[in-house]
Amino acid sequence: MEIWINPACSKCRAATAAFDEAGIPYTVRRYLDDPPTAQELTELLARLNLEPWDLIRPNEPEAEPLRTVPRDASHRTTWIEAMTTHPILIQRPIITAADNTTAIARDPETLSKFLP
């Protein structure tokens, strides 16, 4: 199990605490310190079955330039590049299980799918 976190995020802390309490081993990726590559984001988006603009945190100041970028296939690269340049834009926490099941576990219901 791998979890992408921002340690300052309460939802990330809740997810890791839930795994700790359940005794589930996991690997932490602090994606602000170790930003994903464009290829990693592309693969992540495929597993999530989302488009890049669905993974953006729209209220972050770094999202401002994206407000005028179309949400279409011809602009996917622009959105992905924004996330690799400013990883703070990426929703969190993102959990990937051993079977490659991946989800953004912002709510307890989604997080519970990864717990026994």
Protein backbone atom coordinates (compact mmCIF):
# COMPACT_ATOMS: atom_id res chain seq x y z
CA MET A 1 0.00 0.00 0.00
CA GLU A 2 1.28 3.44 -0.87
CA ILE A 3 -0.17 6.73 0.28
CA TRP A 4 0.68 10.14 -1.15
CA ILE A 5 0.45 12.69 1.62
CA ASN A 6 1.08 16.23 2.69
CA PRO A 7 1.92 15.94 6.42
CA ALA A 8 0.20 19.29 7.05
CA CYS A 9 -3.12 17.89 5.77
CA SER A 10 -5.57 16.66 8.40
CA LYS A 11 -7.13 14.14 6.00
CA CYS A 12 -3.68 12.68 5.28
CA ARG A 13 -2.92 12.42 8.99
CA ALA A 14 -6.29 10.73 9.54
CA ALA A 15 -5.57 8.20 6.79
CA THR A 16 -2.14 7.26 8.12
CA ALA A 17 -3.53 7.05 11.67
CA ALA A 18 -6.28 4.69 10.44
CA PHE A 19 -3.67 2.45 8.76
CA ASP A 20 -1.50 2.53 11.88
CA GLU A 21 -4.46 1.63 14.09
CA ALA A 22 -5.43 -1.23 11.75
CA GLY A 23 -1.83 -2.46 11.61
CA ILE A 24 -1.70 -2.08 7.83
CA PRO A 25 1.80 -1.60 6.45
CA TYR A 26 2.18 1.23 3.96
CA THR A 27 4.73 3.38 2.22
CA VAL A 28 4.45 7.15 2.49
CA ARG A 29 5.24 9.41 -0.41
CA ARG A 30 5.51 13.03 0.60
CA TYR A 31 4.65 14.26 -2.86
CA LEU A 32 5.52 17.88 -2.08
CA ASP A 33 9.11 16.78 -1.38
CA ASP A 34 9.13 14.10 -4.09
CA PRO A 35 6.84 15.42 -6.85
CA PRO A 36 5.43 12.92 -9.32
CA THR A 37 6.64 12.94 -12.89
CA ALA A 38 4.29 13.56 -15.78
CA GLN A 39 4.39 9.83 -16.51
CA GLU A 40 3.49 8.96 -12.92
CA LEU A 41 0.58 11.40 -12.98
CA THR A 42 -0.63 10.02 -16.30
CA GLU A 43 -0.59 6.49 -14.87
CA LEU A 44 -2.26 7.67 -11.66
CA LEU A 45 -5.02 9.40 -13.62
CA ALA A 46 -5.62 6.22 -15.63
CA ARG A 47 -5.96 4.17 -12.41
CA LEU A 48 -8.31 6.77 -10.96
CA ASN A 49 -10.23 7.04 -14.25
CA LEU A 50 -10.02 10.84 -13.94
CA GLU A 51 -8.88 13.74 -16.05
CA PRO A 52 -6.09 16.00 -14.75
CA TRP A 53 -8.48 18.84 -13.94
CA ASP A 54 -10.41 16.44 -11.67
CA LEU A 55 -7.29 15.97 -9.53
CA ILE A 56 -6.61 19.69 -9.00
CA ARG A 57 -7.19 21.54 -5.75
CA PRO A 58 -8.88 24.57 -7.34
CA ASN A 59 -8.60 26.91 -4.36
CA GLU A 60 -4.82 26.84 -4.21
CA PRO A 61 -3.22 30.10 -5.41
CA GLU A 62 -1.16 28.10 -7.92
CA ALA A 63 -4.42 27.07 -9.62
CA GLU A 64 -5.18 30.63 -10.70
CA PRO A 65 -3.47 30.37 -14.13
CA LEU A 66 -5.44 27.19 -14.87
CA ARG A 67 -8.81 28.91 -14.60
CA THR A 68 -8.63 29.90 -18.26
CA VAL A 69 -7.17 26.63 -19.57
CA PRO A 70 -9.76 24.50 -21.37
CA ARG A 71 -10.63 21.15 -19.86
CA ASP A 72 -10.13 19.05 -22.95
CA ALA A 73 -7.76 16.44 -24.35
CA SER A 74 -5.63 18.97 -26.21
CA HIS A 75 -4.78 20.70 -22.90
CA ARG A 76 -4.17 17.62 -20.70
CA THR A 77 -0.42 18.22 -20.84
CA THR A 78 -0.82 21.77 -19.52
CA TRP A 79 -2.79 20.50 -16.52
CA ILE A 80 -0.33 17.68 -15.82
CA GLU A 81 2.66 20.03 -16.11
CA ALA A 82 1.01 22.37 -13.61
CA MET A 83 0.79 19.52 -11.10
CA THR A 84 4.39 18.42 -11.63
CA THR A 85 5.56 22.03 -11.24
CA HIS A 86 3.25 22.79 -8.29
CA PRO A 87 2.45 19.48 -6.57
CA ILE A 88 0.45 21.39 -3.93
CA LEU A 89 -2.29 21.36 -6.60
CA ILE A 90 -2.77 17.58 -6.28
CA GLN A 91 -5.73 16.32 -4.24
CA ARG A 92 -4.78 14.20 -1.24
CA PRO A 93 -4.43 11.67 0.25
CA ILE A 94 -4.07 9.30 -2.68
CA ILE A 95 -3.94 5.62 -1.77
CA THR A 96 -2.82 2.80 -4.05
CA ALA A 97 -3.29 -0.78 -2.84
CA ALA A 98 -1.14 -3.75 -3.87
CA ASP A 99 -3.70 -4.68 -6.54
CA ASN A 100 -3.35 -1.14 -8.02
CA THR A 101 -6.77 -0.07 -6.73
CA THR A 102 -6.35 3.68 -6.33
CA ALA A 103 -8.52 6.36 -4.77
CA ILE A 104 -8.45 9.87 -3.39
CA ALA A 105 -9.39 9.11 0.22
CA ARG A 106 -10.65 12.51 1.34
CA ASP A 107 -13.73 11.05 3.02
CA PRO A 108 -14.05 8.25 5.61
CA GLU A 109 -16.14 6.09 3.27
CA THR A 110 -13.42 5.98 0.61
CA LEU A 111 -10.71 5.41 3.22
CA SER A 112 -12.68 2.51 4.70
CA LYS A 113 -12.38 0.62 1.39
CA PHE A 114 -8.67 0.19 2.16
CA LEU A 115 -9.19 -0.94 5.75
CA PRO A 116 -10.10 -4.43 7.01
